[in-house]
Amino acid sequence: MSSAVDDTLLDDLGRLAEVDTDGLLHAAALSGAQVRATVEAAQEAGIARLAGSQPRALVLITRPGLSPAVAKLLLALLGKTCPVPVVLTDTTPTWLGPLDVVVAHTDDPGDESLAESIDRARRYGAGVVLTAPEDGPVAAAAAGQCVLVTPRVPVPPGFGFTRALAGGLVTATTLELLRTDLGMVADELDREAERGHAQHESFVNPAKSLALRLAERTPLLWGLDDVATGVAIFATQVLATHTDLVCDIAAYPQATSRTALHRAATRASAEHDIFADPDDLEPAQVSPLRVFLLAVSATAADPVRRLAVDTFPAADVLAPADEITADETTGAAVLALRFQLAALYLGLAAGTTGGTTRYAPARPRE
């Protein structure tokens, strides 16, 4: 059972400030600035020297932390039509050579395994783009021949998702494997951060609203397309970082093969009355399951989306394209930030993240 949530805290700016002692909400709001700074830093570090020819393979090294979620989302954005193989691995493969390009990210400057992988990739002659702190063994391994992109916007560890994603995106764009407007990504992230700002009350704040829908439930985050499923992977990372919620993630076609869970979710959705007052229901009547259907690439006319919505009419459908006009990359980044802000609000309200002590009880209304 997840921790109890005091939803009154979300719209109490004073209490929010008291529990958010490390400025985590502000750190998340810097996502757009991180994108701009990463692009600028990559250009100054010489990423243009990778331009001119497509690599034999694009190798995404995944290490503990945000890296696996970033790599899987980048793989989904590159898509099935990517002209070169994209390989996800936790260490440098033995077949790596001068025709390949490696992309890696870490918040841990002392990751010895990654340092060894970067050193091998450099010795094998591969192109390397690394987003990492500027000091430590990892940065030392990248010195000289690698494109080392160091942080320019200070944020706590675990808040560098858009920095890592931008590092991969600027690499893919330079190699002409993907076309995306990173300036638009940054601008839309700024707008999402404003929409999710703490000063906006829950009924108009999409991040707070999402937090309340996630609260004290078992979320089923089912992607209606590959990119959305990639965002769901990131969502589970931030939810597990800031809350104690246990989630299920899957592409929707895969979710349908999980027959017992899918059947339970269908039953819970059918019994859900959007006009019912949860306080009037017996605990046994409230299913902990809540279906969230994520759609980034899919349109309302997509057959998978139609099937899922018809099966789960009470599900929360999170589709950035229904709210903003932007490409898939931007939509994915916006949805990822919304989940990060929601996870923070939920964690702050439940006492699972933020200050070292649980927040004070709600003040009585005057």
Protein backbone atom coordinates (compact mmCIF):
# COMPACT_ATOMS: atom_id res chain seq x y z
CA MET A 1 0.00 0.00 0.00
CA SER A 2 1.44 3.38 -0.96
CA SER A 3 1.89 6.17 1.56
CA ALA A 4 -1.13 8.30 2.42
CA VAL A 5 -1.25 11.60 0.57
CA ASP A 6 -2.42 14.90 2.05
CA ASP A 7 -3.85 16.50 -1.07
CA THR A 8 -4.42 19.81 0.76
CA LEU A 9 -0.66 20.38 0.72
CA LEU A 10 -0.57 20.69 -3.07
CA ASP A 11 -2.39 24.03 -3.07
CA ASP A 12 -0.72 25.40 0.06
CA LEU A 13 2.34 27.27 -1.23
CA GLY A 14 3.71 27.85 2.24
CA ARG A 15 3.69 24.19 3.20
CA LEU A 16 5.01 23.15 -0.20
CA ALA A 17 7.98 25.45 0.32
CA GLU A 18 8.52 24.00 3.78
CA VAL A 19 8.82 20.42 2.52
CA ASP A 20 10.62 21.19 -0.74
CA THR A 21 13.76 22.23 1.11
CA ASP A 22 16.07 21.26 -1.74
CA GLY A 23 14.18 23.15 -4.42
CA LEU A 24 13.26 20.00 -6.36
CA LEU A 25 10.30 21.58 -8.14
CA HIS A 26 12.54 24.41 -9.32
CA ALA A 27 15.14 21.90 -10.51
CA ALA A 28 12.53 20.10 -12.61
CA ALA A 29 11.37 23.41 -14.07
CA LEU A 30 14.86 23.96 -15.51
CA SER A 31 14.34 21.22 -18.11
CA GLY A 32 14.08 23.66 -21.02
CA ALA A 33 17.20 25.50 -19.89
CA GLN A 34 19.05 22.20 -19.72
CA VAL A 35 18.18 21.47 -23.35
CA ARG A 36 19.48 24.85 -24.54
CA ALA A 37 22.64 24.58 -22.46
CA THR A 38 23.35 21.04 -23.67
CA VAL A 39 23.02 21.97 -27.32
CA GLU A 40 25.32 24.94 -26.82
CA ALA A 41 27.85 22.87 -24.88
CA ALA A 42 27.83 20.10 -27.49
CA GLN A 43 28.50 22.58 -30.26
CA GLU A 44 31.39 24.13 -28.34
CA ALA A 45 32.78 20.66 -27.57
CA GLY A 46 33.03 19.93 -31.30
CA ILE A 47 30.08 17.69 -32.08
CA ALA A 48 30.11 19.04 -35.64
CA ARG A 49 33.10 16.81 -36.39
CA LEU A 50 30.74 13.83 -36.36
CA ALA A 51 28.78 15.26 -39.28
CA GLY A 52 29.26 14.19 -42.85
CA SER A 53 28.53 10.48 -42.89
CA GLN A 54 26.22 8.03 -41.18
CA PRO A 55 27.81 5.70 -38.65
CA ARG A 56 27.87 1.93 -39.02
CA ALA A 57 26.00 1.73 -35.71
CA LEU A 58 24.80 4.04 -32.97
CA VAL A 59 25.67 2.55 -29.57
CA LEU A 60 23.79 3.78 -26.50
CA ILE A 61 25.56 2.84 -23.28
CA THR A 62 23.18 2.48 -20.36
CA ARG A 63 24.31 2.86 -16.78
CA PRO A 64 22.33 2.98 -13.49
CA GLY A 65 20.11 6.02 -13.12
CA LEU A 66 18.35 7.89 -15.91
CA SER A 67 20.46 6.42 -18.69
CA PRO A 68 18.32 3.33 -19.49
CA ALA A 69 15.12 5.38 -19.73
CA VAL A 70 16.81 7.98 -21.94
CA ALA A 71 18.28 5.31 -24.23
CA LYS A 72 14.96 3.52 -24.67
CA LEU A 73 13.13 6.75 -25.42
CA LEU A 74 15.80 7.80 -27.90
CA LEU A 75 15.55 4.38 -29.57
CA ALA A 76 11.78 4.83 -29.89
CA LEU A 77 12.17 8.34 -31.33
CA LEU A 78 14.65 7.09 -33.93
CA GLY A 79 12.03 4.54 -34.90
CA LYS A 80 11.98 1.40 -36.96
CA THR A 81 13.01 3.32 -40.07
CA CYS A 82 16.34 4.48 -38.62
CA PRO A 83 18.92 3.83 -41.37
CA VAL A 84 21.54 2.42 -38.99
CA PRO A 85 21.39 -0.18 -36.21
CA VAL A 86 20.86 1.23 -32.71
CA VAL A 87 22.39 -0.89 -29.95
CA LEU A 88 21.65 -0.59 -26.24
CA THR A 89 24.38 -2.02 -24.02
CA ASP A 90 25.81 -1.45 -20.55
CA THR A 91 29.44 -1.75 -21.72
CA THR A 92 31.36 -1.06 -24.91
CA PRO A 93 30.88 -3.99 -27.33
CA THR A 94 33.98 -5.81 -28.56
CA TRP A 95 33.13 -5.18 -32.22
CA LEU A 96 33.17 -1.37 -31.84
CA GLY A 97 35.27 0.44 -34.42
CA PRO A 98 36.05 3.80 -36.05
CA LEU A 99 32.80 3.78 -38.05
CA ASP A 100 30.59 3.66 -34.94
CA VAL A 101 29.32 6.39 -32.61
CA VAL A 102 28.78 5.95 -28.88
CA VAL A 103 26.39 8.03 -26.75
CA ALA A 104 26.47 7.81 -22.95
CA HIS A 105 25.19 9.70 -19.92
CA THR A 106 25.88 9.57 -16.21
CA ASP A 107 25.43 11.63 -13.07
CA ASP A 108 28.13 9.59 -11.36
CA PRO A 109 31.60 11.01 -12.09
CA GLY A 110 33.23 7.97 -10.49
CA ASP A 111 31.50 5.24 -12.53
CA GLU A 112 34.56 3.07 -13.19
CA SER A 113 32.73 0.71 -15.54
CA LEU A 114 31.59 3.60 -17.73
CA ALA A 115 35.07 5.15 -17.60
CA GLU A 116 36.52 1.88 -18.90
CA SER A 117 33.89 1.72 -21.66
CA ILE A 118 34.59 5.28 -22.76
CA ASP A 119 38.33 4.64 -22.74
CA ARG A 120 37.90 1.50 -24.89
CA ALA A 121 35.60 3.29 -27.32
CA ARG A 122 38.16 6.09 -27.67
CA ARG A 123 40.99 3.59 -28.25
CA TYR A 124 38.92 1.72 -30.83
CA GLY A 125 38.52 5.00 -32.72
CA ALA A 126 34.75 5.35 -32.29
CA GLY A 127 33.10 8.73 -32.02
CA VAL A 128 31.93 9.37 -28.46
CA VAL A 129 29.38 11.86 -27.10
CA LEU A 130 29.22 11.86 -23.31
CA THR A 131 27.06 13.95 -20.98
CA ALA A 132 28.70 13.77 -17.55
CA PRO A 133 30.16 15.88 -14.74
CA GLU A 134 33.40 17.62 -15.67
CA ASP A 135 35.55 15.98 -12.97
CA GLY A 136 36.31 12.37 -12.10
CA PRO A 137 37.37 9.17 -13.89
CA VAL A 138 34.54 9.29 -16.44
CA ALA A 139 35.44 12.78 -17.66
CA ALA A 140 39.14 11.89 -17.60
CA ALA A 141 38.49 8.89 -19.87
CA ALA A 142 36.74 11.17 -22.36
CA ALA A 143 39.41 13.86 -22.38
CA GLY A 144 40.80 14.77 -25.77
CA GLN A 145 39.06 12.94 -28.57
CA CYS A 146 35.52 12.66 -27.17
CA VAL A 147 32.69 15.19 -27.20
CA LEU A 148 32.34 15.77 -23.46
CA VAL A 149 29.19 17.74 -22.62
CA THR A 150 29.33 18.93 -19.02
CA PRO A 151 26.41 20.40 -17.06
CA ARG A 152 25.89 24.13 -17.32
CA VAL A 153 22.60 24.28 -15.43
CA PRO A 154 23.17 22.95 -11.90
CA VAL A 155 20.50 20.46 -10.78
CA PRO A 156 20.54 17.63 -8.22
CA PRO A 157 21.44 14.09 -9.37
CA GLY A 158 18.49 12.45 -11.06
CA PHE A 159 17.24 15.70 -12.64
CA GLY A 160 19.35 15.54 -15.80
CA PHE A 161 16.83 13.73 -17.99
CA THR A 162 16.49 16.48 -20.56
CA ARG A 163 20.26 17.04 -20.54
CA ALA A 164 20.82 13.37 -21.33
CA LEU A 165 18.03 13.31 -23.90
CA ALA A 166 19.30 16.49 -25.56
CA GLY A 167 22.78 14.95 -25.77
CA GLY A 168 21.35 11.99 -27.66
CA LEU A 169 19.11 14.14 -29.82
CA VAL A 170 21.82 16.58 -30.86
CA THR A 171 24.01 13.58 -31.77
CA ALA A 172 21.25 11.96 -33.82
CA THR A 173 20.53 15.28 -35.53
CA THR A 174 24.21 15.84 -36.34
CA LEU A 175 24.40 12.34 -37.83
CA GLU A 176 21.20 13.03 -39.82
CA LEU A 177 19.41 10.10 -38.21
CA LEU A 178 16.62 12.27 -36.83
CA ARG A 179 15.20 15.70 -37.50
CA THR A 180 13.99 17.67 -34.53
CA ASP A 181 13.90 21.30 -33.48
CA LEU A 182 15.59 21.36 -30.09
CA GLY A 183 14.77 25.02 -29.68
CA MET A 184 11.08 24.14 -29.92
CA VAL A 185 11.60 21.32 -27.42
CA ALA A 186 13.15 23.76 -24.95
CA ASP A 187 10.43 26.37 -25.45
CA GLU A 188 7.62 23.87 -24.94
CA LEU A 189 9.30 22.49 -21.83
CA ASP A 190 9.37 26.03 -20.45
CA ARG A 191 5.64 26.32 -21.13
CA GLU A 192 4.94 22.97 -19.47
CA ALA A 193 6.95 24.05 -16.43
CA GLU A 194 4.83 27.19 -16.23
CA ARG A 195 1.60 25.18 -16.55
CA GLY A 196 2.83 22.92 -13.73
CA HIS A 197 4.10 25.73 -11.47
CA ALA A 198 3.21 25.42 -7.80
CA GLN A 199 1.29 28.71 -7.84
CA HIS A 200 -1.38 27.15 -10.10
CA GLU A 201 -4.09 25.26 -8.22
CA SER A 202 -4.76 21.60 -8.81
CA PHE A 203 -7.82 22.02 -11.01
CA VAL A 204 -5.82 23.99 -13.62
CA ASN A 205 -2.37 22.48 -13.01
CA PRO A 206 -1.83 19.38 -15.18
CA ALA A 207 1.02 18.04 -13.02
CA LYS A 208 -0.91 18.39 -9.75
CA SER A 209 -3.99 16.90 -11.38
CA LEU A 210 -1.96 13.92 -12.58
CA ALA A 211 -0.48 13.52 -9.10
CA LEU A 212 -3.94 13.33 -7.58
CA ARG A 213 -5.04 10.70 -10.10
CA LEU A 214 -1.94 8.63 -9.34
CA ALA A 215 -2.28 8.98 -5.58
CA GLU A 216 -2.80 5.81 -3.56
CA ARG A 217 -3.41 3.76 -6.70
CA THR A 218 -1.57 1.11 -8.65
CA PRO A 219 -1.02 2.88 -11.98
CA LEU A 220 -1.01 0.84 -15.16
CA LEU A 221 1.01 2.96 -17.60
CA TRP A 222 0.23 1.46 -20.98
CA GLY A 223 1.73 3.00 -24.11
CA LEU A 224 -0.30 3.22 -27.30
CA ASP A 225 2.87 3.66 -29.37
CA ASP A 226 6.59 3.02 -28.96
CA VAL A 227 7.45 6.60 -28.02
CA ALA A 228 4.73 6.72 -25.37
CA THR A 229 5.96 3.44 -23.93
CA GLY A 230 9.43 4.99 -23.75
CA VAL A 231 7.98 7.88 -21.73
CA ALA A 232 6.26 5.37 -19.45
CA ILE A 233 9.65 3.84 -18.65
CA PHE A 234 10.90 7.25 -17.54
CA ALA A 235 7.69 7.80 -15.57
CA THR A 236 8.30 4.66 -13.52
CA GLN A 237 11.84 5.87 -12.79
CA VAL A 238 10.71 9.23 -11.38
CA LEU A 239 7.76 7.72 -9.54
CA ALA A 240 10.05 5.18 -7.88
CA THR A 241 12.54 7.96 -7.09
CA HIS A 242 10.06 10.25 -5.36
CA THR A 243 7.14 8.01 -4.33
CA ASP A 244 6.55 4.44 -3.22
CA LEU A 245 4.02 3.71 -5.97
CA VAL A 246 4.39 0.41 -7.78
CA CYS A 247 3.54 0.68 -11.48
CA ASP A 248 3.03 -1.63 -14.40
CA ILE A 249 4.36 -0.48 -17.77
CA ALA A 250 3.83 -2.07 -21.15
CA ALA A 251 2.99 -1.36 -24.74
CA TYR A 252 -0.77 -1.81 -24.97
CA PRO A 253 -0.63 -4.88 -27.25
CA GLN A 254 1.65 -6.50 -24.66
CA ALA A 255 -0.67 -5.45 -21.84
CA THR A 256 -3.52 -7.35 -23.48
CA SER A 257 -1.47 -10.54 -23.24
CA ARG A 258 -1.28 -10.16 -19.45
CA THR A 259 -4.72 -11.68 -19.22
CA ALA A 260 -5.37 -11.66 -15.48
CA LEU A 261 -4.18 -8.08 -14.97
CA HIS A 262 -5.93 -6.86 -18.11
CA ARG A 263 -9.16 -8.53 -17.00
CA ALA A 264 -8.90 -6.97 -13.53
CA ALA A 265 -8.23 -3.56 -15.06
CA THR A 266 -11.19 -3.94 -17.40
CA ARG A 267 -13.44 -4.84 -14.47
CA ALA A 268 -12.17 -1.91 -12.42
CA SER A 269 -12.78 0.45 -15.33
CA ALA A 270 -16.28 -0.86 -15.90
CA GLU A 271 -17.16 -0.38 -12.22
CA HIS A 272 -15.75 3.15 -12.09
CA ASP A 273 -18.36 5.90 -11.88
CA ILE A 274 -16.85 9.31 -12.54
CA PHE A 275 -19.71 10.95 -10.64
CA ALA A 276 -19.37 8.77 -7.54
CA ASP A 277 -17.94 10.21 -4.34
CA PRO A 278 -15.04 7.91 -3.30
CA ASP A 279 -15.81 8.73 0.36
CA ASP A 280 -19.21 7.05 -0.04
CA LEU A 281 -17.70 3.77 -1.23
CA GLU A 282 -16.59 0.89 0.94
CA PRO A 283 -12.83 0.19 0.73
CA ALA A 284 -13.55 -3.14 -0.96
CA GLN A 285 -15.45 -1.31 -3.71
CA VAL A 286 -12.46 0.82 -4.74
CA SER A 287 -10.01 -1.00 -6.98
CA PRO A 288 -6.39 0.12 -6.58
CA LEU A 289 -5.87 -0.29 -10.32
CA ARG A 290 -5.99 2.79 -12.51
CA VAL A 291 -5.30 2.68 -16.24
CA PHE A 292 -3.31 5.47 -17.87
CA LEU A 293 -3.15 5.30 -21.66
CA LEU A 294 -0.15 7.22 -23.02
CA ALA A 295 -0.13 8.38 -26.64
CA VAL A 296 2.60 10.43 -28.31
CA SER A 297 2.76 9.19 -31.90
CA ALA A 298 -0.74 7.70 -32.05
CA THR A 299 -3.65 9.80 -33.27
CA ALA A 300 -7.23 9.52 -32.12
CA ALA A 301 -7.93 7.49 -35.28
CA ASP A 302 -5.18 4.97 -34.55
CA PRO A 303 -6.74 1.48 -34.22
CA VAL A 304 -4.71 0.61 -31.13
CA ARG A 305 -5.81 3.81 -29.43
CA ARG A 306 -9.45 3.28 -30.43
CA LEU A 307 -9.41 -0.27 -29.06
CA ALA A 308 -7.79 0.79 -25.79
CA VAL A 309 -10.15 3.72 -25.23
CA ASP A 310 -13.18 1.56 -26.04
CA THR A 311 -11.96 -1.10 -23.60
CA PHE A 312 -11.16 1.42 -20.85
CA PRO A 313 -13.62 4.32 -21.19
CA ALA A 314 -12.74 5.57 -17.70
CA ALA A 315 -8.98 5.52 -18.31
CA ASP A 316 -6.83 8.63 -18.19
CA VAL A 317 -5.62 9.33 -21.74
CA LEU A 318 -2.39 11.34 -21.72
CA ALA A 319 -1.80 12.59 -25.25
CA PRO A 320 0.31 15.76 -25.65
CA ALA A 321 -0.84 16.19 -29.26
CA ASP A 322 -4.33 16.85 -27.92
CA GLU A 323 -2.98 19.90 -26.08
CA ILE A 324 -0.02 21.28 -28.03
CA THR A 325 1.10 21.48 -31.63
CA ALA A 326 4.53 19.90 -31.74
CA ASP A 327 6.52 16.98 -33.13
CA GLU A 328 6.89 13.61 -31.42
CA THR A 329 10.14 14.54 -29.71
CA THR A 330 8.62 17.62 -28.13
CA GLY A 331 5.45 15.77 -27.12
CA ALA A 332 7.52 13.04 -25.46
CA ALA A 333 9.65 15.57 -23.56
CA VAL A 334 6.57 17.47 -22.35
CA LEU A 335 4.84 14.31 -21.14
CA ALA A 336 8.02 13.19 -19.38
CA LEU A 337 8.28 16.52 -17.55
CA ARG A 338 4.63 16.31 -16.52
CA PHE A 339 5.28 12.93 -14.93
CA GLN A 340 8.37 14.25 -13.18
CA LEU A 341 6.49 17.19 -11.70
CA ALA A 342 3.57 14.92 -10.74
CA ALA A 343 5.96 12.51 -9.01
CA LEU A 344 7.47 15.41 -7.08
CA TYR A 345 4.11 16.80 -5.99
CA LEU A 346 2.99 13.33 -4.95
CA GLY A 347 6.20 12.61 -3.09
CA LEU A 348 6.11 15.94 -1.28
CA ALA A 349 2.48 15.41 -0.26
CA ALA A 350 3.17 11.88 0.97
CA GLY A 351 6.45 12.66 2.71
CA THR A 352 8.47 10.25 0.55
CA THR A 353 10.65 12.98 -0.93
CA GLY A 354 11.74 16.47 0.04
CA GLY A 355 12.71 17.42 3.58
CA THR A 356 14.17 14.99 6.08
CA THR A 357 11.06 15.14 8.25
CA ARG A 358 7.46 14.63 7.29
CA TYR A 359 5.50 17.81 6.76
CA ALA A 360 3.46 19.33 9.56
CA PRO A 361 -0.25 18.53 9.76
CA ALA A 362 -2.56 20.77 7.83
CA ARG A 363 -3.36 24.00 9.57
CA PRO A 364 -7.00 24.37 10.58
CA ARG A 365 -9.07 26.56 8.30
CA GLU A 366 -10.00 29.90 9.75
